[in-house]
């Protein structure tokens, strides 16, 4: 039995005992849109409308649109993300609980550092299957290495490993696991005595809160940490500027989701100034450059209930795709551009770009809610059979019969 978005809206609305009019007011959408969705007259809506409804109904966007998570696909061998959950939520790490001693010899600090770097490369390449397979063991090895080699370097690498765990959990639709991973990331960063590493942990936390729909908190924690770590520009190191800039980017996205576009752009202007001074670099498991900031201008232009696709396309003209160093970042940026193309009437261009992203990142794109919602919106507007679009919809888990 197919369950439509309208069915989910109706069930969630009735569960919360609110009327269509009350939901429309809370979500800042028209009551006519809600009626048409619940009656099946419309099968989808603009991504920003869906975000507003998800927020008003107190659910994650993934649940509202029925987006699959990566869990089943990466866990058929009995490992994968289920094993990652068990490694993140290890009962033996809780106070008062006796854990199993790790009887195996842990890797040396140098070996452990190399493993974390390899795993980081897998994440940014979009190789989630491989990362899901190795990350649970990597966390266990890291904990064992930290017990035997209680050094700041080892704790720093363990913080980066938990950052990977939080990022993969969030990408695959499990922000609650990610929140626990961030707690452990921040604890490890404190043991490493590295304020900048703590700053990246807060940046990760902001993203997790964003995916949980906690926009105000996502913006607040990132802004407060950015204020604390703001470097004196004449003496600032590249790493200081990169962490500061990443926190500003983290704060800009939820600001735009809350329709504070001017505030979001101010934050990105500060981030771009920091990127000009730092130059392109990779620090603390992330990349930072002027190009990275400019891709976020495209993203924030599309956010909120008053998305600005024309502004997004204008901003994309200033982005040199060849300068985006991370394959996953490039894919995410192009999905944003595809949405802007569709919203400005260029459906063929949007579909062409989504197919290009799928060819480059076939695993990553299957679990991107934004991409699936865009395809579902395109299907709703399609008045003639388009086998290419329907094929893409099927591969992304969107019902092609809609």
Protein backbone atom coordinates (compact mmCIF):
# COMPACT_ATOMS: atom_id res chain seq x y z
CA UNK A 1 0.00 0.00 0.00
CA UNK A 2 1.42 3.36 -1.05
CA UNK A 3 1.41 6.02 1.67
CA UNK A 4 1.52 9.54 0.29
CA UNK A 5 2.92 12.67 1.85
CA UNK A 6 -0.66 13.84 2.32
CA UNK A 7 -1.48 10.67 4.26
CA UNK A 8 1.48 11.27 6.56
CA UNK A 9 0.50 14.91 7.09
CA UNK A 10 -3.07 13.94 7.99
CA UNK A 11 -2.01 11.19 10.41
CA UNK A 12 0.57 13.41 12.13
CA UNK A 13 -1.81 16.34 12.26
CA UNK A 14 -4.61 14.27 13.80
CA UNK A 15 -2.17 12.70 16.26
CA UNK A 16 -1.30 16.20 17.45
CA UNK A 17 -4.99 17.14 17.52
CA UNK A 18 -4.70 20.26 15.38
CA UNK A 19 -6.83 21.46 12.48
CA UNK A 20 -5.66 22.12 8.96
CA UNK A 21 -5.98 25.83 9.65
CA UNK A 22 -3.81 25.57 12.77
CA UNK A 23 -1.18 23.57 10.90
CA UNK A 24 -1.17 26.11 8.08
CA UNK A 25 -0.59 28.93 10.54
CA UNK A 26 2.23 27.10 12.33
CA UNK A 27 3.93 26.12 9.07
CA UNK A 28 3.39 29.49 7.33
CA UNK A 29 1.77 27.79 4.33
CA UNK A 30 -1.68 28.13 2.83
CA UNK A 31 -4.47 25.94 4.17
CA UNK A 32 -5.40 25.18 0.56
CA UNK A 33 -2.02 23.51 0.07
CA UNK A 34 -2.62 21.28 3.09
CA UNK A 35 -6.13 20.38 1.93
CA UNK A 36 -4.93 19.43 -1.54
CA UNK A 37 -2.08 17.32 -0.13
CA UNK A 38 -4.34 15.47 2.31
CA UNK A 39 -7.02 14.92 -0.38
CA UNK A 40 -4.46 13.58 -2.84
CA UNK A 41 -5.10 16.40 -5.31
CA UNK A 42 -1.41 17.22 -4.95
CA UNK A 43 1.20 14.54 -4.33
CA UNK A 44 4.01 16.83 -3.26
CA UNK A 45 4.96 20.44 -2.58
CA UNK A 46 7.99 22.69 -2.73
CA UNK A 47 10.85 21.59 -0.52
CA UNK A 48 10.54 24.71 1.64
CA UNK A 49 6.82 24.03 2.14
CA UNK A 50 7.64 20.47 3.23
CA UNK A 51 10.28 21.76 5.63
CA UNK A 52 7.76 24.13 7.19
CA UNK A 53 5.21 21.34 7.58
CA UNK A 54 7.77 18.98 9.08
CA UNK A 55 8.79 21.62 11.57
CA UNK A 56 5.18 22.41 12.50
CA UNK A 57 4.42 18.70 12.91
CA UNK A 58 7.56 18.19 15.00
CA UNK A 59 9.07 15.49 12.77
CA UNK A 60 12.18 15.24 10.66
CA UNK A 61 11.76 15.99 6.98
CA UNK A 62 12.89 12.45 6.13
CA UNK A 63 9.91 10.99 7.97
CA UNK A 64 7.42 13.33 6.34
CA UNK A 65 8.52 12.51 2.79
CA UNK A 66 9.04 8.82 3.55
CA UNK A 67 12.72 8.92 2.65
CA UNK A 68 14.59 5.68 3.26
CA UNK A 69 17.58 5.64 5.55
CA UNK A 70 20.79 3.88 4.63
CA UNK A 71 20.54 1.39 7.50
CA UNK A 72 19.03 -1.58 5.73
CA UNK A 73 21.10 -1.29 2.58
CA UNK A 74 24.39 -1.18 4.51
CA UNK A 75 23.48 -3.72 7.17
CA UNK A 76 22.44 -6.81 5.24
CA UNK A 77 25.71 -8.51 6.19
CA UNK A 78 24.93 -8.07 9.89
CA UNK A 79 27.30 -5.13 10.26
CA UNK A 80 27.22 -1.69 8.75
CA UNK A 81 25.31 1.05 10.49
CA UNK A 82 23.71 -1.20 13.08
CA UNK A 83 27.21 -2.09 14.22
CA UNK A 84 28.07 1.62 14.12
CA UNK A 85 25.14 2.39 16.40
CA UNK A 86 26.38 -0.25 18.84
CA UNK A 87 29.89 1.23 18.76
CA UNK A 88 28.60 4.77 19.36
CA UNK A 89 26.13 3.76 22.06
CA UNK A 90 28.52 1.38 23.80
CA UNK A 91 26.96 0.45 27.17
CA UNK A 92 30.42 -0.33 28.53
CA UNK A 93 31.36 3.34 28.28
CA UNK A 94 28.64 4.39 30.75
CA UNK A 95 29.52 5.07 34.39
CA UNK A 96 28.81 2.09 36.61
CA UNK A 97 28.64 -0.40 33.73
CA UNK A 98 31.32 -3.05 33.47
CA UNK A 99 32.52 -3.30 29.88
CA UNK A 100 34.39 -6.08 28.14
CA UNK A 101 38.13 -5.66 28.14
CA UNK A 102 39.66 -5.40 24.71
CA UNK A 103 42.11 -8.29 24.71
CA UNK A 104 43.48 -7.57 21.24
CA UNK A 105 46.55 -5.43 20.78
CA UNK A 106 45.44 -1.98 19.63
CA UNK A 107 47.15 -0.29 16.68
CA UNK A 108 50.00 2.09 17.34
CA UNK A 109 49.22 5.82 17.39
CA UNK A 110 50.76 6.18 13.92
CA UNK A 111 48.70 3.29 12.52
CA UNK A 112 45.58 4.65 14.18
CA UNK A 113 46.13 8.12 12.69
CA UNK A 114 46.54 6.62 9.22
CA UNK A 115 43.30 4.64 9.63
CA UNK A 116 41.38 7.75 10.61
CA UNK A 117 42.70 9.61 7.56
CA UNK A 118 41.69 6.75 5.27
CA UNK A 119 38.20 6.69 6.78
CA UNK A 120 37.92 10.46 6.37
CA UNK A 121 38.79 10.13 2.69
CA UNK A 122 36.08 7.46 2.30
CA UNK A 123 33.47 9.76 3.81
CA UNK A 124 34.27 12.69 1.55
CA UNK A 125 34.40 10.39 -1.47
CA UNK A 126 30.84 9.22 -0.70
CA UNK A 127 31.91 5.62 -0.10
CA UNK A 128 29.41 5.02 2.67
CA UNK A 129 29.35 1.24 2.33
CA UNK A 130 33.06 0.95 3.01
CA UNK A 131 32.95 3.51 5.79
CA UNK A 132 30.00 1.82 7.50
CA UNK A 133 31.92 -1.44 7.41
CA UNK A 134 35.16 -0.11 8.92
CA UNK A 135 34.01 2.65 11.27
CA UNK A 136 32.70 0.45 14.14
CA UNK A 137 36.06 -1.31 14.38
CA UNK A 138 37.87 1.99 14.00
CA UNK A 139 36.06 3.42 17.04
CA UNK A 140 36.82 0.34 19.13
CA UNK A 141 40.48 0.42 18.07
CA UNK A 142 40.63 4.12 18.89
CA UNK A 143 39.26 3.58 22.39
CA UNK A 144 41.78 0.79 22.95
CA UNK A 145 44.64 2.91 21.60
CA UNK A 146 43.63 5.78 23.89
CA UNK A 147 43.66 3.45 26.90
CA UNK A 148 47.18 2.27 26.09
CA UNK A 149 48.56 5.57 24.73
CA UNK A 150 46.90 8.34 26.70
CA UNK A 151 48.25 11.21 24.61
CA UNK A 152 46.64 14.35 23.25
CA UNK A 153 47.43 13.22 19.69
CA UNK A 154 45.49 9.98 20.12
CA UNK A 155 42.53 11.75 21.73
CA UNK A 156 42.50 14.24 18.86
CA UNK A 157 42.26 11.42 16.33
CA UNK A 158 39.52 9.76 18.37
CA UNK A 159 37.58 13.05 18.27
CA UNK A 160 37.89 13.06 14.47
CA UNK A 161 36.72 9.43 14.34
CA UNK A 162 33.60 10.33 16.32
CA UNK A 163 33.10 13.29 14.00
CA UNK A 164 32.99 10.80 11.13
CA UNK A 165 30.52 8.65 13.08
CA UNK A 166 28.29 11.67 13.69
CA UNK A 167 28.48 12.74 10.04
CA UNK A 168 27.69 9.29 8.63
CA UNK A 169 24.85 8.80 11.11
CA UNK A 170 23.33 12.14 10.13
CA UNK A 171 23.71 11.53 6.40
CA UNK A 172 22.02 8.15 6.74
CA UNK A 173 19.03 9.51 8.62
CA UNK A 174 19.99 8.81 12.24
CA UNK A 175 20.62 12.20 13.91
CA UNK A 176 19.92 10.76 17.37
CA UNK A 177 22.90 8.43 17.04
CA UNK A 178 24.85 11.40 15.70
CA UNK A 179 24.07 13.46 18.79
CA UNK A 180 25.63 10.78 21.00
CA UNK A 181 28.66 10.63 18.70
CA UNK A 182 29.10 14.41 18.99
CA UNK A 183 29.00 14.15 22.78
CA UNK A 184 31.91 11.71 22.57
CA UNK A 185 33.66 13.85 19.96
CA UNK A 186 33.57 16.85 22.28
CA UNK A 187 34.73 14.77 25.26
CA UNK A 188 37.70 13.47 23.24
CA UNK A 189 38.51 16.99 22.01
CA UNK A 190 38.62 18.17 25.62
CA UNK A 191 41.07 15.36 26.46
CA UNK A 192 43.15 16.54 23.49
CA UNK A 193 43.25 20.05 24.98
CA UNK A 194 42.50 21.53 21.56
CA UNK A 195 39.99 24.43 21.51
CA UNK A 196 39.88 24.39 17.72
CA UNK A 197 38.98 20.71 17.71
CA UNK A 198 36.19 21.52 20.16
CA UNK A 199 35.09 24.22 17.72
CA UNK A 200 34.75 21.65 14.93
CA UNK A 201 32.76 19.49 17.34
CA UNK A 202 30.32 22.35 17.87
CA UNK A 203 30.11 22.82 14.08
CA UNK A 204 29.16 19.14 13.79
CA UNK A 205 26.65 19.56 16.62
CA UNK A 206 25.06 22.49 14.80
CA UNK A 207 24.55 20.32 11.71
CA UNK A 208 23.01 17.52 13.79
CA UNK A 209 20.63 19.98 15.48
CA UNK A 210 19.73 21.36 12.05
CA UNK A 211 18.80 17.88 10.84
CA UNK A 212 16.70 17.41 13.97
CA UNK A 213 14.77 20.55 13.07
CA UNK A 214 16.18 22.51 16.02
CA UNK A 215 17.09 25.55 13.95
CA UNK A 216 17.36 28.18 16.67
CA UNK A 217 19.66 25.99 18.75
CA UNK A 218 21.71 25.05 15.68
CA UNK A 219 22.36 28.70 14.94
CA UNK A 220 22.92 29.71 18.55
CA UNK A 221 25.55 27.10 19.45
CA UNK A 222 27.55 27.79 16.28
CA UNK A 223 27.42 31.58 16.66
CA UNK A 224 28.43 31.52 20.32
CA UNK A 225 31.39 29.25 19.60
CA UNK A 226 32.43 31.38 16.63
CA UNK A 227 32.38 34.46 18.86
CA UNK A 228 34.53 32.66 21.42
CA UNK A 229 37.08 31.49 18.84
CA UNK A 230 37.14 34.58 16.63
CA UNK A 231 40.85 35.13 15.97
CA UNK A 232 42.76 38.39 15.98
CA UNK A 233 43.16 38.69 12.22
CA UNK A 234 46.76 39.95 12.13
CA UNK A 235 47.98 37.01 14.20
CA UNK A 236 45.49 34.36 13.09
CA UNK A 237 46.70 30.97 11.89
CA UNK A 238 45.08 29.27 8.91
CA UNK A 239 43.55 26.61 11.17
CA UNK A 240 42.01 29.25 13.45
CA UNK A 241 40.45 30.97 10.46
CA UNK A 242 39.17 27.67 9.05
CA UNK A 243 37.42 26.59 12.26
CA UNK A 244 36.01 30.07 12.78
CA UNK A 245 34.75 30.13 9.19
CA UNK A 246 33.18 26.67 9.44
CA UNK A 247 31.27 27.78 12.54
CA UNK A 248 29.96 30.85 10.69
CA UNK A 249 28.81 28.62 7.82
CA UNK A 250 27.15 26.29 10.32
CA UNK A 251 25.25 29.24 11.82
CA UNK A 252 24.22 30.65 8.43
CA UNK A 253 22.26 27.60 7.28
CA UNK A 254 19.74 27.49 10.16
CA UNK A 255 19.45 31.29 10.02
CA UNK A 256 18.31 30.99 6.40
CA UNK A 257 15.95 28.11 7.28
CA UNK A 258 14.30 30.53 9.73
CA UNK A 259 13.93 33.09 6.90
CA UNK A 260 16.68 35.31 8.32
CA UNK A 261 18.38 35.55 4.93
CA UNK A 262 20.08 38.87 5.58
CA UNK A 263 21.61 37.52 8.77
CA UNK A 264 22.71 34.37 6.96
CA UNK A 265 24.43 36.42 4.25
CA UNK A 266 26.21 38.54 6.86
CA UNK A 267 27.58 35.36 8.44
CA UNK A 268 28.74 34.06 5.06
CA UNK A 269 30.40 37.39 4.25
CA UNK A 270 32.44 37.07 7.45
CA UNK A 271 33.26 33.46 6.56
CA UNK A 272 34.40 34.42 3.07
CA UNK A 273 36.65 37.13 4.49
CA UNK A 274 38.26 34.51 6.74
CA UNK A 275 38.67 32.18 3.75
CA UNK A 276 40.39 34.89 1.70
CA UNK A 277 42.91 35.34 4.51
CA UNK A 278 43.45 31.63 5.24
CA UNK A 279 43.64 30.38 1.68
CA UNK A 280 42.25 26.94 0.78
CA UNK A 281 43.13 24.25 3.30
CA UNK A 282 41.96 21.07 4.98
CA UNK A 283 41.78 21.10 8.74
CA UNK A 284 40.16 18.90 11.37
CA UNK A 285 38.56 16.56 8.86
CA UNK A 286 36.95 19.33 6.81
CA UNK A 287 37.79 21.67 3.94
CA UNK A 288 37.64 25.46 3.95
CA UNK A 289 38.07 27.89 1.08
CA UNK A 290 36.40 30.80 -0.65
CA UNK A 291 34.74 28.33 -3.01
CA UNK A 292 33.33 26.34 -0.07
CA UNK A 293 31.73 29.51 1.30
CA UNK A 294 30.32 30.50 -2.08
CA UNK A 295 28.59 27.14 -2.49
CA UNK A 296 26.82 27.83 0.79
CA UNK A 297 25.47 31.10 -0.64
CA UNK A 298 23.59 28.96 -3.14
CA UNK A 299 22.27 26.73 -0.37
CA UNK A 300 21.04 29.52 1.91
CA UNK A 301 19.33 31.29 -0.99
CA UNK A 302 17.07 28.24 -1.37
CA UNK A 303 16.32 27.84 2.34
CA UNK A 304 13.30 28.99 4.31
CA UNK A 305 9.72 29.57 3.24
CA UNK A 306 10.84 32.42 0.96
CA UNK A 307 13.50 30.66 -1.08
CA UNK A 308 15.19 32.71 -3.79
CA UNK A 309 16.10 30.43 -6.71
CA UNK A 310 17.10 33.33 -8.97
CA UNK A 311 19.54 34.51 -6.30
CA UNK A 312 20.84 30.96 -5.95
CA UNK A 313 21.59 30.73 -9.67
CA UNK A 314 23.29 34.11 -9.64
CA UNK A 315 25.45 32.94 -6.72
CA UNK A 316 26.29 29.71 -8.56
CA UNK A 317 27.81 31.74 -11.40
CA UNK A 318 30.61 32.69 -8.99
CA UNK A 319 31.42 29.07 -8.09
CA UNK A 320 34.18 27.27 -9.98
CA UNK A 321 33.15 23.62 -9.78
CA UNK A 322 36.70 22.43 -10.42
CA UNK A 323 37.84 24.12 -7.20
CA UNK A 324 35.54 22.05 -4.95
CA UNK A 325 37.96 19.54 -3.51
CA UNK A 326 35.52 17.08 -1.92
CA UNK A 327 33.40 14.85 -4.23
CA UNK A 328 30.48 14.77 -1.76
CA UNK A 329 30.57 18.56 -1.39
CA UNK A 330 30.51 18.92 -5.17
CA UNK A 331 27.51 16.60 -5.38
CA UNK A 332 25.62 18.46 -2.65
CA UNK A 333 26.25 21.80 -4.34
CA UNK A 334 25.00 20.50 -7.70
CA UNK A 335 21.79 19.18 -6.09
CA UNK A 336 21.20 22.73 -4.82
CA UNK A 337 21.76 24.11 -8.32
CA UNK A 338 19.38 21.52 -9.76
CA UNK A 339 16.67 22.66 -7.32
CA UNK A 340 17.25 26.29 -8.33
CA UNK A 341 17.03 25.37 -12.00
CA UNK A 342 13.77 23.53 -11.45
CA UNK A 343 12.23 26.38 -9.46
CA UNK A 344 13.11 28.85 -12.21
CA UNK A 345 11.39 26.72 -14.86
CA UNK A 346 14.36 24.77 -16.22
CA UNK A 347 13.14 21.22 -15.56
CA UNK A 348 15.29 19.60 -18.29
CA UNK A 349 18.39 21.31 -16.90
CA UNK A 350 17.52 20.20 -13.38
CA UNK A 351 17.01 16.60 -14.43
CA UNK A 352 20.24 16.60 -16.44
CA UNK A 353 22.20 17.82 -13.43
CA UNK A 354 20.60 15.32 -11.03
CA UNK A 355 21.46 12.48 -13.41
CA UNK A 356 25.02 13.77 -13.56
CA UNK A 357 25.23 13.74 -9.77
CA UNK A 358 23.79 10.24 -9.66
CA UNK A 359 26.43 9.05 -12.12
CA UNK A 360 29.19 10.54 -9.96
CA UNK A 361 27.73 9.60 -6.55
CA UNK A 362 25.25 6.71 -7.01
CA UNK A 363 25.34 5.68 -3.37
CA UNK A 364 25.35 9.13 -1.79
CA UNK A 365 22.40 10.52 -3.75
CA UNK A 366 20.04 7.68 -2.82
CA UNK A 367 19.93 8.94 0.73
CA UNK A 368 19.67 12.69 0.19
CA UNK A 369 16.24 13.93 1.24
CA UNK A 370 16.68 17.18 -0.66
CA UNK A 371 17.37 15.36 -3.93
CA UNK A 372 14.42 13.00 -3.43
CA UNK A 373 12.08 15.86 -2.57
CA UNK A 374 13.17 17.74 -5.69
CA UNK A 375 12.48 14.70 -7.86
CA UNK A 376 9.10 14.19 -6.20
CA UNK A 377 8.24 17.82 -6.86
CA UNK A 378 9.26 17.40 -10.50
CA UNK A 379 7.07 14.31 -10.81
CA UNK A 380 4.09 16.20 -9.44
CA UNK A 381 4.52 18.91 -12.07
CA UNK A 382 5.16 16.51 -14.95
CA UNK A 383 2.13 16.35 -17.25
CA UNK A 384 3.50 13.78 -19.65
CA UNK A 385 5.32 10.54 -19.16
CA UNK A 386 9.05 11.05 -18.72
CA UNK A 387 10.72 7.67 -18.42
CA UNK A 388 14.10 9.18 -17.51
CA UNK A 389 12.65 11.16 -14.60
CA UNK A 390 10.58 8.22 -13.40
CA UNK A 391 13.63 5.96 -13.54
CA UNK A 392 15.58 8.37 -11.37
CA UNK A 393 12.62 8.63 -8.98
CA UNK A 394 12.52 4.87 -8.61
CA UNK A 395 16.24 4.67 -7.84
CA UNK A 396 15.90 7.40 -5.18
CA UNK A 397 13.01 5.60 -3.48
CA UNK A 398 10.37 8.05 -4.74
CA UNK A 399 7.19 6.33 -5.89
CA UNK A 400 7.24 6.60 -9.70
CA UNK A 401 3.47 6.03 -9.83
CA UNK A 402 2.82 9.45 -8.33
